[in-house]
């Protein structure tokens, strides 16, 4: 008799569970979807050249800010080291005096022991680490000669002074250790930023590097146009000032022929301008002689410079001592508007004042730009007018 059991085709649902064939297919689909979702980004997600340029510029800016922090910390470390050395020398000298005073007290005690002129407690006073503890014992003080009292006083004075200087030296050594640690941190920060920038640039193809160079060239051309505009504006303003001065001289001459006399404030102003120009010429001559030398963070010459190291060295040849960092240099001299900028003025950049250049005229400056670059003449608008922080006349 034929069986009445019905055949169940593969893949039908039985008690809410799919058969193995359909389950396998479903799992395969899920796995494929998961792989697609978690797959590595396509080539289209690679940063654009513009994004790479911005990232590299940001890293160089951060590195320069870290460099100024490093410069400030290194200067502080050097100052602290000098203080520690001075304190240690002072402690050594005072210790020598203290030992001399102690020896003198010891000779008094020994003499009194030999002659039997002193009670044991008097000798204890003379040889004690702190004779002051015995001063209230008038019966002992009455036994000391005036010379011995002077010796005790000298010993106490030297002991107190030496103890104080030792404490100062100890504190200064702790401060020095802290600044040295900060110096190492600043140095590591600079190196990390530069390494990251180099890594980004190293991954560019030859074609990408060419496109990046084209972008840089376009930015430079725009910066040069802005420099030319500033030069034209300054030339027009200078011409107008000269015409006004000529008109004033004519008026003054006419007044003089009628018997009226008067004075102007132009003589003092001219003398001041002449003095500044003479100093600025020396600073600029030095800066021009450094063109072509490499930027090295933390360098102050003569073979390489960072930005503030160059401006400091340039103005030093003119007899003007600038501080080491951009953060301090910006506070020296007089701040002037960009429209009144003159050769020799310092141009500071970015909100954090992490870069500086030396203005040479016609919208141009000499500066040590960034790692991998060389001291060069460039438009002050190299990064756009918006990054110019201020202009300072240092003398």
Protein backbone atom coordinates (compact mmCIF):
# COMPACT_ATOMS: atom_id res chain seq x y z
CA UNK A 1 0.00 0.00 0.00
CA UNK A 2 1.40 3.32 -1.00
CA UNK A 3 2.45 5.72 1.68
CA UNK A 4 0.19 8.73 2.29
CA UNK A 5 3.05 10.85 3.84
CA UNK A 6 3.43 14.12 1.92
CA UNK A 7 6.81 15.19 0.66
CA UNK A 8 8.06 18.47 2.12
CA UNK A 9 10.11 20.50 -0.35
CA UNK A 10 13.49 21.84 0.83
CA UNK A 11 13.39 25.39 2.14
CA UNK A 12 9.84 25.53 3.54
CA UNK A 13 9.26 26.86 7.08
CA UNK A 14 8.81 24.13 9.71
CA UNK A 15 7.77 25.23 13.18
CA UNK A 16 9.06 28.77 12.49
CA UNK A 17 12.58 27.65 11.53
CA UNK A 18 14.01 27.90 8.04
CA UNK A 19 15.59 24.82 6.60
CA UNK A 20 19.43 24.78 6.29
CA UNK A 21 19.56 25.87 2.66
CA UNK A 22 17.66 29.10 3.20
CA UNK A 23 19.46 29.77 6.48
CA UNK A 24 22.81 29.46 4.73
CA UNK A 25 21.71 31.86 2.00
CA UNK A 26 20.49 34.38 4.54
CA UNK A 27 23.69 34.24 6.56
CA UNK A 28 25.75 34.66 3.39
CA UNK A 29 23.78 37.79 2.48
CA UNK A 30 24.25 39.28 5.93
CA UNK A 31 27.98 38.58 5.82
CA UNK A 32 28.32 40.26 2.43
CA UNK A 33 26.41 43.32 3.61
CA UNK A 34 28.59 43.50 6.73
CA UNK A 35 31.77 43.30 4.67
CA UNK A 36 30.51 46.06 2.42
CA UNK A 37 29.68 48.31 5.36
CA UNK A 38 33.03 47.72 7.04
CA UNK A 39 35.18 47.81 3.95
CA UNK A 40 38.08 50.23 3.79
CA UNK A 41 37.26 53.64 2.29
CA UNK A 42 37.58 53.86 -1.42
CA UNK A 43 40.17 55.89 -3.19
CA UNK A 44 37.59 58.66 -3.54
CA UNK A 45 37.68 59.25 0.26
CA UNK A 46 41.41 60.16 0.16
CA UNK A 47 42.02 63.76 1.33
CA UNK A 48 42.12 66.30 -1.47
CA UNK A 49 45.30 68.20 -2.25
CA UNK A 50 43.70 71.30 -0.73
CA UNK A 51 42.95 69.39 2.47
CA UNK A 52 46.48 68.04 2.62
CA UNK A 53 47.89 71.54 2.08
CA UNK A 54 45.73 72.97 4.86
CA UNK A 55 46.68 70.14 7.21
CA UNK A 56 50.39 70.57 6.51
CA UNK A 57 50.16 74.35 6.94
CA UNK A 58 48.33 73.85 10.24
CA UNK A 59 50.99 71.42 11.42
CA UNK A 60 53.80 73.81 10.51
CA UNK A 61 51.97 76.59 12.34
CA UNK A 62 51.54 74.38 15.39
CA UNK A 63 55.20 73.39 15.19
CA UNK A 64 56.23 77.04 15.07
CA UNK A 65 54.07 77.85 18.09
CA UNK A 66 55.68 74.91 19.88
CA UNK A 67 59.09 76.22 18.80
CA UNK A 68 58.43 79.57 20.47
CA UNK A 69 57.38 77.71 23.61
CA UNK A 70 60.59 75.72 23.38
CA UNK A 71 62.61 78.93 22.96
CA UNK A 72 60.98 80.51 25.99
CA UNK A 73 61.54 77.40 28.10
CA UNK A 74 65.15 77.07 26.99
CA UNK A 75 65.80 80.69 27.88
CA UNK A 76 64.17 80.17 31.28
CA UNK A 77 66.24 77.03 31.80
CA UNK A 78 69.46 78.91 31.02
CA UNK A 79 68.55 81.68 33.45
CA UNK A 80 67.63 79.18 36.14
CA UNK A 81 70.88 77.29 35.63
CA UNK A 82 72.85 80.53 36.11
CA UNK A 83 70.90 81.21 39.31
CA UNK A 84 71.58 77.72 40.63
CA UNK A 85 75.29 78.01 39.83
CA UNK A 86 75.44 81.39 41.56
CA UNK A 87 73.63 80.08 44.64
CA UNK A 88 75.86 77.02 44.85
CA UNK A 89 78.95 79.23 44.64
CA UNK A 90 77.52 81.43 47.37
CA UNK A 91 76.76 78.40 49.55
CA UNK A 92 80.32 77.13 49.08
CA UNK A 93 81.78 80.49 50.11
CA UNK A 94 79.49 80.77 53.12
CA UNK A 95 80.25 77.21 54.15
CA UNK A 96 83.94 78.07 54.09
CA UNK A 97 83.30 81.09 56.30
CA UNK A 98 81.15 78.95 58.58
CA UNK A 99 83.93 76.39 58.93
CA UNK A 100 86.41 79.18 59.71
CA UNK A 101 84.10 80.51 62.41
CA UNK A 102 83.63 77.00 63.81
CA UNK A 103 87.41 76.48 63.86
CA UNK A 104 87.85 79.70 65.81
CA UNK A 105 85.30 78.59 68.37
CA UNK A 106 87.08 75.25 68.58
CA UNK A 107 90.41 76.94 69.25
CA UNK A 108 88.85 78.92 72.11
CA UNK A 109 87.43 75.76 73.65
CA UNK A 110 90.72 73.88 73.28
CA UNK A 111 92.67 76.72 74.90
CA UNK A 112 90.28 76.87 77.82
CA UNK A 113 90.50 73.13 78.32
CA UNK A 114 94.32 73.35 78.39
CA UNK A 115 94.38 76.22 80.89
CA UNK A 116 91.46 74.97 82.92
CA UNK A 117 89.87 78.43 82.63
CA UNK A 118 86.60 77.14 81.31
CA UNK A 119 83.88 74.95 82.69
CA UNK A 120 82.74 72.08 80.46
CA UNK A 121 79.45 73.82 79.67
CA UNK A 122 81.29 76.85 78.26
CA UNK A 123 83.15 74.60 75.87
CA UNK A 124 79.84 73.01 74.93
CA UNK A 125 78.54 76.46 74.08
CA UNK A 126 81.53 77.20 71.90
CA UNK A 127 81.29 73.93 70.00
CA UNK A 128 77.50 73.67 69.75
CA UNK A 129 75.79 73.55 66.34
CA UNK A 130 73.48 76.29 67.55
CA UNK A 131 75.16 78.48 70.23
CA UNK A 132 72.07 80.72 70.25
CA UNK A 133 70.34 78.03 72.32
CA UNK A 134 72.72 78.90 75.15
CA UNK A 135 72.43 82.67 74.98
CA UNK A 136 69.77 82.91 77.68
CA UNK A 137 72.15 81.29 80.15
CA UNK A 138 73.75 84.47 81.44
CA UNK A 139 76.06 82.56 83.73
CA UNK A 140 77.77 81.14 80.59
CA UNK A 141 77.83 84.39 78.66
CA UNK A 142 79.52 86.09 81.60
CA UNK A 143 82.43 83.68 81.20
CA UNK A 144 83.08 84.60 77.54
CA UNK A 145 85.53 87.28 76.57
CA UNK A 146 84.45 90.01 74.15
CA UNK A 147 86.45 88.33 71.38
CA UNK A 148 84.71 85.04 72.04
CA UNK A 149 81.31 86.72 71.97
CA UNK A 150 82.15 88.24 68.56
CA UNK A 151 83.21 84.79 67.31
CA UNK A 152 79.92 83.28 68.50
CA UNK A 153 77.93 86.09 66.85
CA UNK A 154 79.82 85.63 63.57
CA UNK A 155 79.22 81.90 63.67
CA UNK A 156 75.48 82.31 64.28
CA UNK A 157 75.18 84.88 61.48
CA UNK A 158 77.03 82.69 58.97
CA UNK A 159 75.11 79.61 60.00
CA UNK A 160 71.74 81.32 59.44
CA UNK A 161 72.82 82.80 56.11
CA UNK A 162 74.23 79.49 54.89
CA UNK A 163 71.10 77.61 55.86
CA UNK A 164 68.96 80.13 53.98
CA UNK A 165 71.12 79.97 50.84
CA UNK A 166 71.12 76.18 50.91
CA UNK A 167 67.31 76.21 51.00
CA UNK A 168 67.24 78.67 48.07
CA UNK A 169 69.66 76.51 46.10
CA UNK A 170 67.56 73.42 46.76
CA UNK A 171 64.39 75.19 45.58
CA UNK A 172 66.17 76.51 42.49
CA UNK A 173 67.39 73.02 41.64
CA UNK A 174 63.81 71.75 41.83
CA UNK A 175 62.66 74.59 39.56
CA UNK A 176 65.48 73.81 37.13
CA UNK A 177 64.41 70.17 37.00
CA UNK A 178 60.84 71.26 36.23
CA UNK A 179 61.88 73.61 33.42
CA UNK A 180 64.18 70.98 31.95
CA UNK A 181 61.24 68.57 31.87
CA UNK A 182 59.09 71.22 30.17
CA UNK A 183 61.92 71.80 27.68
CA UNK A 184 61.97 68.13 26.73
CA UNK A 185 58.18 68.15 26.35
CA UNK A 186 58.28 71.22 24.08
CA UNK A 187 61.01 69.67 21.97
CA UNK A 188 59.07 66.43 21.58
CA UNK A 189 55.95 68.39 20.61
CA UNK A 190 57.82 70.21 17.83
CA UNK A 191 59.34 66.99 16.53
CA UNK A 192 55.97 65.23 16.56
CA UNK A 193 54.27 67.99 14.54
CA UNK A 194 57.09 68.06 11.99
CA UNK A 195 57.11 64.28 11.63
CA UNK A 196 53.37 64.28 10.99
CA UNK A 197 53.73 66.96 8.31
CA UNK A 198 56.58 65.09 6.61
CA UNK A 199 54.54 61.90 6.68
CA UNK A 200 51.62 63.57 4.93
CA UNK A 201 53.86 65.01 2.22
CA UNK A 202 55.71 61.73 1.70
CA UNK A 203 52.46 59.98 0.76
CA UNK A 204 51.75 62.32 -2.15
CA UNK A 205 52.31 61.05 -5.66
CA UNK A 206 54.40 62.99 -8.16
CA UNK A 207 51.24 64.32 -9.78
CA UNK A 208 49.82 65.39 -6.42
CA UNK A 209 53.06 67.15 -5.52
CA UNK A 210 52.90 69.03 -8.81
CA UNK A 211 49.31 70.08 -8.11
CA UNK A 212 50.31 71.18 -4.61
CA UNK A 213 53.14 73.28 -6.06
CA UNK A 214 50.67 74.89 -8.46
CA UNK A 215 48.38 75.80 -5.56
CA UNK A 216 51.31 77.31 -3.66
CA UNK A 217 52.33 79.30 -6.74
CA UNK A 218 48.80 80.66 -7.11
CA UNK A 219 48.77 81.74 -3.46
CA UNK A 220 52.15 83.41 -3.87
CA UNK A 221 50.97 85.35 -6.91
CA UNK A 222 47.94 86.59 -4.97
CA UNK A 223 50.19 87.59 -2.07
CA UNK A 224 52.52 89.46 -4.43
CA UNK A 225 49.56 91.40 -5.86
CA UNK A 226 48.53 92.43 -2.35
CA UNK A 227 52.09 93.54 -1.65
CA UNK A 228 52.11 95.62 -4.82
CA UNK A 229 48.83 97.24 -3.81
CA UNK A 230 50.27 98.19 -0.41
CA UNK A 231 53.37 99.59 -2.09
CA UNK A 232 51.21 101.74 -4.39
CA UNK A 233 49.15 102.99 -1.47
CA UNK A 234 52.26 103.90 0.49
CA UNK A 235 53.81 105.60 -2.52
CA UNK A 236 50.66 107.67 -3.00
CA UNK A 237 50.60 108.59 0.68
CA UNK A 238 54.29 109.55 0.58
CA UNK A 239 53.75 111.74 -2.47
CA UNK A 240 50.84 113.46 -0.79
CA UNK A 241 52.93 114.04 2.35
CA UNK A 242 55.78 115.51 0.30
CA UNK A 243 53.39 117.87 -1.51
CA UNK A 244 51.94 118.96 1.83
CA UNK A 245 55.45 119.57 3.21
CA UNK A 246 56.40 121.57 0.12
CA UNK A 247 53.26 123.65 0.46
CA UNK A 248 54.06 124.25 4.13
CA UNK A 249 57.59 125.38 3.31
CA UNK A 250 56.23 127.79 0.71
CA UNK A 251 53.76 129.20 3.19
CA UNK A 252 56.44 129.50 5.88
CA UNK A 253 58.75 131.32 3.46
CA UNK A 254 56.04 133.79 2.46
CA UNK A 255 55.25 134.48 6.11
CA UNK A 256 58.92 135.08 6.88
CA UNK A 257 59.20 137.79 4.17
CA UNK A 258 56.36 139.71 5.79
CA UNK A 259 58.19 139.72 9.16
CA UNK A 260 56.20 136.96 10.84
CA UNK A 261 58.08 134.03 12.32
CA UNK A 262 56.85 130.60 13.33
CA UNK A 263 58.04 127.09 14.11
CA UNK A 264 56.91 123.65 13.16
CA UNK A 265 57.36 120.23 14.71
CA UNK A 266 58.81 118.67 11.58
CA UNK A 267 62.46 119.06 12.59
CA UNK A 268 62.25 116.79 15.64
CA UNK A 269 60.15 114.27 13.73
CA UNK A 270 62.65 114.20 10.86
CA UNK A 271 65.53 113.59 13.26
CA UNK A 272 63.67 110.67 14.85
CA UNK A 273 62.83 109.19 11.45
CA UNK A 274 66.45 109.55 10.34
CA UNK A 275 67.73 107.75 13.45
CA UNK A 276 65.31 104.87 12.99
CA UNK A 277 66.11 104.58 9.30
CA UNK A 278 69.84 104.32 10.05
CA UNK A 279 69.24 101.50 12.53
CA UNK A 280 66.74 99.76 10.27
CA UNK A 281 69.23 99.84 7.39
CA UNK A 282 71.76 97.93 9.52
CA UNK A 283 69.17 95.35 10.56
CA UNK A 284 68.02 94.88 6.96
CA UNK A 285 71.57 94.57 5.63
CA UNK A 286 72.18 91.75 8.10
CA UNK A 287 68.88 90.02 7.24
CA UNK A 288 69.61 90.15 3.50
CA UNK A 289 72.97 88.50 4.11
CA UNK A 290 71.17 85.54 5.74
CA UNK A 291 68.90 84.83 2.76
CA UNK A 292 69.34 81.23 1.67
CA UNK A 293 70.22 79.88 5.10
CA UNK A 294 67.98 77.07 6.40
CA UNK A 295 65.18 77.41 8.90
CA UNK A 296 65.97 75.32 11.97
CA UNK A 297 63.65 75.48 14.94
CA UNK A 298 65.35 76.92 18.01
CA UNK A 299 68.29 78.29 15.98
CA UNK A 300 69.74 81.78 16.44
CA UNK A 301 72.52 81.71 13.84
CA UNK A 302 74.93 82.06 12.36
CA UNK A 303 74.34 79.06 10.10
CA UNK A 304 70.57 78.74 10.55
CA UNK A 305 67.64 80.54 12.15
CA UNK A 306 64.09 80.26 13.27
CA UNK A 307 61.82 83.29 12.75
CA UNK A 308 62.43 85.12 16.04
CA UNK A 309 66.07 84.11 16.08
CA UNK A 310 66.56 85.94 12.77
CA UNK A 311 64.82 89.16 13.83
CA UNK A 312 66.68 89.16 17.13
CA UNK A 313 70.05 88.75 15.41
CA UNK A 314 69.24 91.37 12.75
CA UNK A 315 68.29 94.11 15.18
CA UNK A 316 71.21 93.26 17.46
CA UNK A 317 73.57 94.47 14.70
CA UNK A 318 71.79 97.83 14.95
CA UNK A 319 72.37 97.99 18.71
CA UNK A 320 68.84 96.97 19.68
CA UNK A 321 68.48 93.95 21.97
CA UNK A 322 65.23 92.12 21.28
CA UNK A 323 63.93 89.32 23.52
CA UNK A 324 64.20 85.75 22.27
CA UNK A 325 60.58 84.88 21.50
CA UNK A 326 57.88 86.38 19.30
CA UNK A 327 55.66 86.65 22.38
CA UNK A 328 58.15 89.04 23.98
CA UNK A 329 59.34 90.81 20.84
CA UNK A 330 55.79 91.97 20.09
CA UNK A 331 55.85 94.02 23.32
CA UNK A 332 59.03 95.92 22.45
CA UNK A 333 58.80 99.33 20.81
CA UNK A 334 55.69 100.93 19.33
CA UNK A 335 52.77 99.27 17.58
CA UNK A 336 51.89 101.00 14.29
CA UNK A 337 49.08 100.48 11.77
CA UNK A 338 49.80 98.38 8.69
CA UNK A 339 49.27 101.45 6.52
CA UNK A 340 52.19 103.17 8.30
CA UNK A 341 54.63 100.24 8.09
CA UNK A 342 58.27 101.11 7.39
CA UNK A 343 61.38 99.11 6.48
CA UNK A 344 62.81 97.53 9.62
CA UNK A 345 59.45 97.09 11.33
CA UNK A 346 58.54 93.69 12.73
CA UNK A 347 55.46 92.00 11.29
CA UNK A 348 53.78 89.45 13.56
CA UNK A 349 51.41 86.74 12.42
CA UNK A 350 48.55 84.60 13.77
CA UNK A 351 46.42 85.10 16.83
CA UNK A 352 48.97 83.24 18.94
CA UNK A 353 51.80 85.50 17.64
CA UNK A 354 53.89 82.51 16.64
CA UNK A 355 55.66 84.00 13.60
CA UNK A 356 57.55 87.19 12.79
CA UNK A 357 59.28 88.74 9.79
CA UNK A 358 61.37 91.86 9.09
CA UNK A 359 59.69 94.33 6.73
CA UNK A 360 61.89 95.49 3.83
CA UNK A 361 59.43 97.73 1.98
CA UNK A 362 57.00 97.42 -0.94
CA UNK A 363 54.85 94.92 0.95
CA UNK A 364 57.73 92.46 1.32
CA UNK A 365 59.63 91.01 4.28
CA UNK A 366 62.60 88.79 5.03
CA UNK A 367 61.78 85.87 7.30
CA UNK A 368 62.67 82.31 8.21
CA UNK A 369 59.40 80.72 7.07
CA UNK A 370 59.13 77.12 8.28
CA UNK A 371 60.98 73.80 8.57
CA UNK A 372 62.31 72.61 5.24
CA UNK A 373 62.48 76.17 3.89
CA UNK A 374 65.20 78.81 3.76
CA UNK A 375 65.44 82.42 4.84
CA UNK A 376 63.86 84.37 2.00
CA UNK A 377 62.15 87.56 0.92
CA UNK A 378 58.41 87.15 0.61
CA UNK A 379 55.16 89.09 0.65
CA UNK A 380 53.80 89.88 4.10
CA UNK A 381 50.50 88.59 2.71
CA UNK A 382 51.90 85.11 2.09
CA UNK A 383 49.12 83.59 4.20
CA UNK A 384 46.51 86.25 3.54
CA UNK A 385 45.96 89.58 5.26
CA UNK A 386 43.81 87.97 7.94
CA UNK A 387 46.77 86.26 9.62
CA UNK A 388 48.69 89.52 10.15
CA UNK A 389 48.50 90.16 13.89
CA UNK A 390 50.35 93.46 14.28
CA UNK A 391 53.26 95.65 13.19
CA UNK A 392 55.85 96.83 15.74
CA UNK A 393 58.58 99.48 15.37
CA UNK A 394 61.27 98.17 17.74
CA UNK A 395 63.43 101.30 18.05
